[in-house]
Amino acid sequence: MKVQLNTWVLVSTEARLKWLVKDRQFTVTSVVDVALQELLDRYDVPAADPDGRIGER
């Protein structure tokens, strides 16, 4: 299941994202999802279950 995420980014970030999407045939959704997953993993944020719940550590 997916949820909508609205945010603002720098114009330069948007330009780079548009380039990546066009050059590599990615979608904005897939790029944002992978980038956020990598950041969350880097900071050891626990995984959530399919319902979006995070259990106790």
PDB file of N, CA and C in Angstrom:
ATOM      1  N   MET A   1       0.841  -1.169   0.000  1.00  0.00           N
ATOM      2  CA  MET A   1       0.000   0.000   0.000  1.00  0.00           C
ATOM      3  C   MET A   1       0.896   1.245   0.000  1.00  0.00           C
ATOM      4  N   LYS A   2       0.463   2.268  -0.672  1.00  0.00           N
ATOM      5  CA  LYS A   2       1.224   3.514  -0.732  1.00  0.00           C
ATOM      6  C   LYS A   2       0.411   4.648  -0.126  1.00  0.00           C
ATOM      7  N   VAL A   3       1.122   5.664   0.372  1.00  0.00           N
ATOM      8  CA  VAL A   3       0.491   6.883   0.870  1.00  0.00           C
ATOM      9  C   VAL A   3       1.128   8.070   0.173  1.00  0.00           C
ATOM     10  N   GLN A   4       0.394   9.159   0.100  1.00  0.00           N
ATOM     11  CA  GLN A   4       0.908  10.354  -0.554  1.00  0.00           C
ATOM     12  C   GLN A   4       1.825  11.105   0.397  1.00  0.00           C
ATOM     13  N   LEU A   5       2.933  11.613  -0.148  1.00  0.00           N
ATOM     14  CA  LEU A   5       3.898  12.395   0.612  1.00  0.00           C
ATOM     15  C   LEU A   5       4.145  13.684  -0.158  1.00  0.00           C
ATOM     16  N   ASN A   6       3.820  14.802   0.442  1.00  0.00           N
ATOM     17  CA  ASN A   6       4.032  16.096  -0.211  1.00  0.00           C
ATOM     18  C   ASN A   6       5.180  16.818   0.474  1.00  0.00           C
ATOM     19  N   THR A   7       6.073  17.377  -0.315  1.00  0.00           N
ATOM     20  CA  THR A   7       7.212  18.089   0.243  1.00  0.00           C
ATOM     21  C   THR A   7       7.747  19.091  -0.762  1.00  0.00           C
ATOM     22  N   TRP A   8       8.620  19.948  -0.309  1.00  0.00           N
ATOM     23  CA  TRP A   8       9.285  20.930  -1.157  1.00  0.00           C
ATOM     24  C   TRP A   8      10.758  20.577  -1.234  1.00  0.00           C
ATOM     25  N   VAL A   9      11.357  20.761  -2.409  1.00  0.00           N
ATOM     26  CA  VAL A   9      12.793  20.533  -2.589  1.00  0.00           C
ATOM     27  C   VAL A   9      13.405  21.742  -3.293  1.00  0.00           C
ATOM     28  N   LEU A  10      14.718  21.824  -3.223  1.00  0.00           N
ATOM     29  CA  LEU A  10      15.426  22.888  -3.931  1.00  0.00           C
ATOM     30  C   LEU A  10      15.235  22.732  -5.437  1.00  0.00           C
ATOM     31  N   VAL A  11      15.252  23.836  -6.149  1.00  0.00           N
ATOM     32  CA  VAL A  11      15.130  23.806  -7.607  1.00  0.00           C
ATOM     33  C   VAL A  11      16.234  22.943  -8.204  1.00  0.00           C
ATOM     34  N   SER A  12      17.423  23.028  -7.657  1.00  0.00           N
ATOM     35  CA  SER A  12      18.539  22.228  -8.177  1.00  0.00           C
ATOM     36  C   SER A  12      18.305  20.728  -7.955  1.00  0.00           C
ATOM     37  N   THR A  13      17.681  20.379  -6.841  1.00  0.00           N
ATOM     38  CA  THR A  13      17.356  18.969  -6.583  1.00  0.00           C
ATOM     39  C   THR A  13      16.304  18.479  -7.562  1.00  0.00           C
ATOM     40  N   GLU A  14      15.302  19.308  -7.822  1.00  0.00           N
ATOM     41  CA  GLU A  14      14.270  18.927  -8.790  1.00  0.00           C
ATOM     42  C   GLU A  14      14.869  18.719 -10.176  1.00  0.00           C
ATOM     43  N   ALA A  15      15.792  19.593 -10.568  1.00  0.00           N
ATOM     44  CA  ALA A  15      16.428  19.463 -11.885  1.00  0.00           C
ATOM     45  C   ALA A  15      17.182  18.137 -11.989  1.00  0.00           C
ATOM     46  N   ARG A  16      17.907  17.796 -10.941  1.00  0.00           N
ATOM     47  CA  ARG A  16      18.650  16.536 -10.944  1.00  0.00           C
ATOM     48  C   ARG A  16      17.710  15.334 -10.962  1.00  0.00           C
ATOM     49  N   LEU A  17      16.622  15.427 -10.204  1.00  0.00           N
ATOM     50  CA  LEU A  17      15.639  14.346 -10.174  1.00  0.00           C
ATOM     51  C   LEU A  17      14.994  14.160 -11.545  1.00  0.00           C
ATOM     52  N   LYS A  18      14.609  15.245 -12.185  1.00  0.00           N
ATOM     53  CA  LYS A  18      14.021  15.156 -13.520  1.00  0.00           C
ATOM     54  C   LYS A  18      15.001  14.535 -14.507  1.00  0.00           C
ATOM     55  N   TRP A  19      16.278  14.902 -14.402  1.00  0.00           N
ATOM     56  CA  TRP A  19      17.294  14.333 -15.285  1.00  0.00           C
ATOM     57  C   TRP A  19      17.376  12.823 -15.074  1.00  0.00           C
ATOM     58  N   LEU A  20      17.443  12.391 -13.822  1.00  0.00           N
ATOM     59  CA  LEU A  20      17.550  10.967 -13.507  1.00  0.00           C
ATOM     60  C   LEU A  20      16.337  10.202 -14.016  1.00  0.00           C
ATOM     61  N   VAL A  21      15.155  10.741 -13.779  1.00  0.00           N
ATOM     62  CA  VAL A  21      13.925  10.085 -14.226  1.00  0.00           C
ATOM     63  C   VAL A  21      13.920   9.934 -15.743  1.00  0.00           C
ATOM     64  N   LYS A  22      14.297  10.982 -16.448  1.00  0.00           N
ATOM     65  CA  LYS A  22      14.299  10.930 -17.916  1.00  0.00           C
ATOM     66  C   LYS A  22      15.408  10.032 -18.457  1.00  0.00           C
ATOM     67  N   ASP A  23      16.610  10.165 -17.892  1.00  0.00           N
ATOM     68  CA  ASP A  23      17.767   9.426 -18.414  1.00  0.00           C
ATOM     69  C   ASP A  23      17.705   7.932 -18.124  1.00  0.00           C
ATOM     70  N   ARG A  24      17.170   7.571 -16.984  1.00  0.00           N
ATOM     71  CA  ARG A  24      17.191   6.164 -16.564  1.00  0.00           C
ATOM     72  C   ARG A  24      15.812   5.505 -16.555  1.00  0.00           C
ATOM     73  N   GLN A  25      14.788   6.218 -17.019  1.00  0.00           N
ATOM     74  CA  GLN A  25      13.425   5.697 -17.049  1.00  0.00           C
ATOM     75  C   GLN A  25      12.931   5.222 -15.671  1.00  0.00           C
ATOM     76  N   PHE A  26      13.314   5.949 -14.634  1.00  0.00           N
ATOM     77  CA  PHE A  26      12.773   5.710 -13.298  1.00  0.00           C
ATOM     78  C   PHE A  26      11.494   6.522 -13.159  1.00  0.00           C
ATOM     79  N   THR A  27      10.802   6.338 -12.050  1.00  0.00           N
ATOM     80  CA  THR A  27       9.693   7.216 -11.698  1.00  0.00           C
ATOM     81  C   THR A  27      10.124   8.037 -10.491  1.00  0.00           C
ATOM     82  N   VAL A  28       9.499   9.181 -10.319  1.00  0.00           N
ATOM     83  CA  VAL A  28       9.803  10.004  -9.143  1.00  0.00           C
ATOM     84  C   VAL A  28       9.515   9.199  -7.876  1.00  0.00           C
ATOM     85  N   THR A  29       8.416   8.481  -7.869  1.00  0.00           N
ATOM     86  CA  THR A  29       8.058   7.678  -6.698  1.00  0.00           C
ATOM     87  C   THR A  29       9.137   6.665  -6.352  1.00  0.00           C
ATOM     88  N   SER A  30       9.651   5.959  -7.350  1.00  0.00           N
ATOM     89  CA  SER A  30      10.660   4.933  -7.065  1.00  0.00           C
ATOM     90  C   SER A  30      11.956   5.555  -6.556  1.00  0.00           C
ATOM     91  N   VAL A  31      12.359   6.682  -7.123  1.00  0.00           N
ATOM     92  CA  VAL A  31      13.588   7.346  -6.684  1.00  0.00           C
ATOM     93  C   VAL A  31      13.448   7.822  -5.243  1.00  0.00           C
ATOM     94  N   VAL A  32      12.347   8.477  -4.931  1.00  0.00           N
ATOM     95  CA  VAL A  32      12.128   8.998  -3.579  1.00  0.00           C
ATOM     96  C   VAL A  32      12.057   7.847  -2.579  1.00  0.00           C
ATOM     97  N   ASP A  33      11.359   6.778  -2.931  1.00  0.00           N
ATOM     98  CA  ASP A  33      11.233   5.645  -2.016  1.00  0.00           C
ATOM     99  C   ASP A  33      12.586   5.012  -1.719  1.00  0.00           C
ATOM    100  N   VAL A  34      13.392   4.772  -2.748  1.00  0.00           N
ATOM    101  CA  VAL A  34      14.710   4.172  -2.549  1.00  0.00           C
ATOM    102  C   VAL A  34      15.614   5.107  -1.739  1.00  0.00           C
ATOM    103  N   ALA A  35      15.591   6.391  -2.061  1.00  0.00           N
ATOM    104  CA  ALA A  35      16.428   7.350  -1.340  1.00  0.00           C
ATOM    105  C   ALA A  35      16.051   7.413   0.141  1.00  0.00           C
ATOM    106  N   LEU A  36      14.763   7.438   0.428  1.00  0.00           N
ATOM    107  CA  LEU A  36      14.335   7.476   1.828  1.00  0.00           C
ATOM    108  C   LEU A  36      14.680   6.181   2.553  1.00  0.00           C
ATOM    109  N   GLN A  37      14.508   5.040   1.897  1.00  0.00           N
ATOM    110  CA  GLN A  37      14.864   3.764   2.520  1.00  0.00           C
ATOM    111  C   GLN A  37      16.353   3.725   2.866  1.00  0.00           C
ATOM    112  N   GLU A  38      17.196   4.186   1.952  1.00  0.00           N
ATOM    113  CA  GLU A  38      18.640   4.202   2.207  1.00  0.00           C
ATOM    114  C   GLU A  38      18.985   5.121   3.374  1.00  0.00           C
ATOM    115  N   LEU A  39      18.355   6.284   3.454  1.00  0.00           N
ATOM    116  CA  LEU A  39      18.599   7.205   4.562  1.00  0.00           C
ATOM    117  C   LEU A  39      18.143   6.600   5.888  1.00  0.00           C
ATOM    118  N   LEU A  40      16.952   6.023   5.897  1.00  0.00           N
ATOM    119  CA  LEU A  40      16.429   5.412   7.124  1.00  0.00           C
ATOM    120  C   LEU A  40      17.302   4.244   7.572  1.00  0.00           C
ATOM    121  N   ASP A  41      17.779   3.431   6.651  1.00  0.00           N
ATOM    122  CA  ASP A  41      18.691   2.335   6.985  1.00  0.00           C
ATOM    123  C   ASP A  41      19.997   2.860   7.561  1.00  0.00           C
ATOM    124  N   ARG A  42      20.526   3.929   6.961  1.00  0.00           N
ATOM    125  CA  ARG A  42      21.785   4.517   7.429  1.00  0.00           C
ATOM    126  C   ARG A  42      21.682   4.955   8.885  1.00  0.00           C
ATOM    127  N   TYR A  43      20.512   5.438   9.286  1.00  0.00           N
ATOM    128  CA  TYR A  43      20.313   5.918  10.656  1.00  0.00           C
ATOM    129  C   TYR A  43      19.649   4.877  11.550  1.00  0.00           C
ATOM    130  N   ASP A  44      19.654   3.635  11.103  1.00  0.00           N
ATOM    131  CA  ASP A  44      19.135   2.500  11.882  1.00  0.00           C
ATOM    132  C   ASP A  44      17.710   2.691  12.369  1.00  0.00           C
ATOM    133  N   VAL A  45      16.872   3.272  11.530  1.00  0.00           N
ATOM    134  CA  VAL A  45      15.453   3.384  11.858  1.00  0.00           C
ATOM    135  C   VAL A  45      14.842   2.003  11.667  1.00  0.00           C
ATOM    136  N   PRO A  46      14.133   1.486  12.672  1.00  0.00           N
ATOM    137  CA  PRO A  46      13.575   0.141  12.557  1.00  0.00           C
ATOM    138  C   PRO A  46      12.589   0.023  11.398  1.00  0.00           C
ATOM    139  N   ALA A  47      12.523  -1.172  10.850  1.00  0.00           N
ATOM    140  CA  ALA A  47      11.574  -1.442   9.763  1.00  0.00           C
ATOM    141  C   ALA A  47      10.153  -1.454  10.311  1.00  0.00           C
ATOM    142  N   ALA A  48       9.208  -1.097   9.448  1.00  0.00           N
ATOM    143  CA  ALA A  48       7.792  -1.123   9.813  1.00  0.00           C
ATOM    144  C   ALA A  48       7.145  -2.367   9.202  1.00  0.00           C
ATOM    145  N   ASP A  49       6.080  -2.824   9.831  1.00  0.00           N
ATOM    146  CA  ASP A  49       5.348  -3.951   9.272  1.00  0.00           C
ATOM    147  C   ASP A  49       4.480  -3.459   8.105  1.00  0.00           C
ATOM    148  N   PRO A  50       3.806  -4.363   7.394  1.00  0.00           N
ATOM    149  CA  PRO A  50       3.001  -3.952   6.235  1.00  0.00           C
ATOM    150  C   PRO A  50       1.903  -2.929   6.562  1.00  0.00           C
ATOM    151  N   ASP A  51       1.502  -2.857   7.828  1.00  0.00           N
ATOM    152  CA  ASP A  51       0.483  -1.888   8.246  1.00  0.00           C
ATOM    153  C   ASP A  51       1.092  -0.554   8.684  1.00  0.00           C
ATOM    154  N   GLY A  52       2.418  -0.442   8.599  1.00  0.00           N
ATOM    155  CA  GLY A  52       3.084   0.805   8.943  1.00  0.00           C
ATOM    156  C   GLY A  52       3.413   0.965  10.403  1.00  0.00           C
ATOM    157  N   ARG A  53       3.349  -0.109  11.159  1.00  0.00           N
ATOM    158  CA  ARG A  53       3.664  -0.038  12.593  1.00  0.00           C
ATOM    159  C   ARG A  53       5.114  -0.438  12.841  1.00  0.00           C
ATOM    160  N   ILE A  54       5.739   0.286  13.756  1.00  0.00           N
ATOM    161  CA  ILE A  54       7.101  -0.041  14.169  1.00  0.00           C
ATOM    162  C   ILE A  54       7.028  -0.610  15.573  1.00  0.00           C
ATOM    163  N   GLY A  55       7.560  -1.825  15.733  1.00  0.00           N
ATOM    164  CA  GLY A  55       7.547  -2.474  17.040  1.00  0.00           C
ATOM    165  C   GLY A  55       8.602  -1.894  17.963  1.00  0.00           C
ATOM    166  N   GLU A  56       8.577  -2.331  19.182  1.00  0.00           N
ATOM    167  CA  GLU A  56       9.576  -1.908  20.171  1.00  0.00           C
ATOM    168  C   GLU A  56      10.945  -2.449  19.794  1.00  0.00           C
ATOM    169  N   ARG A  57      11.966  -1.700  20.122  1.00  0.00           N
ATOM    170  CA  ARG A  57      13.337  -2.155  19.881  1.00  0.00           C
ATOM    171  C   ARG A  57      13.808  -3.029  20.981  1.00  0.00           C
TER     172      ARG A  57
END
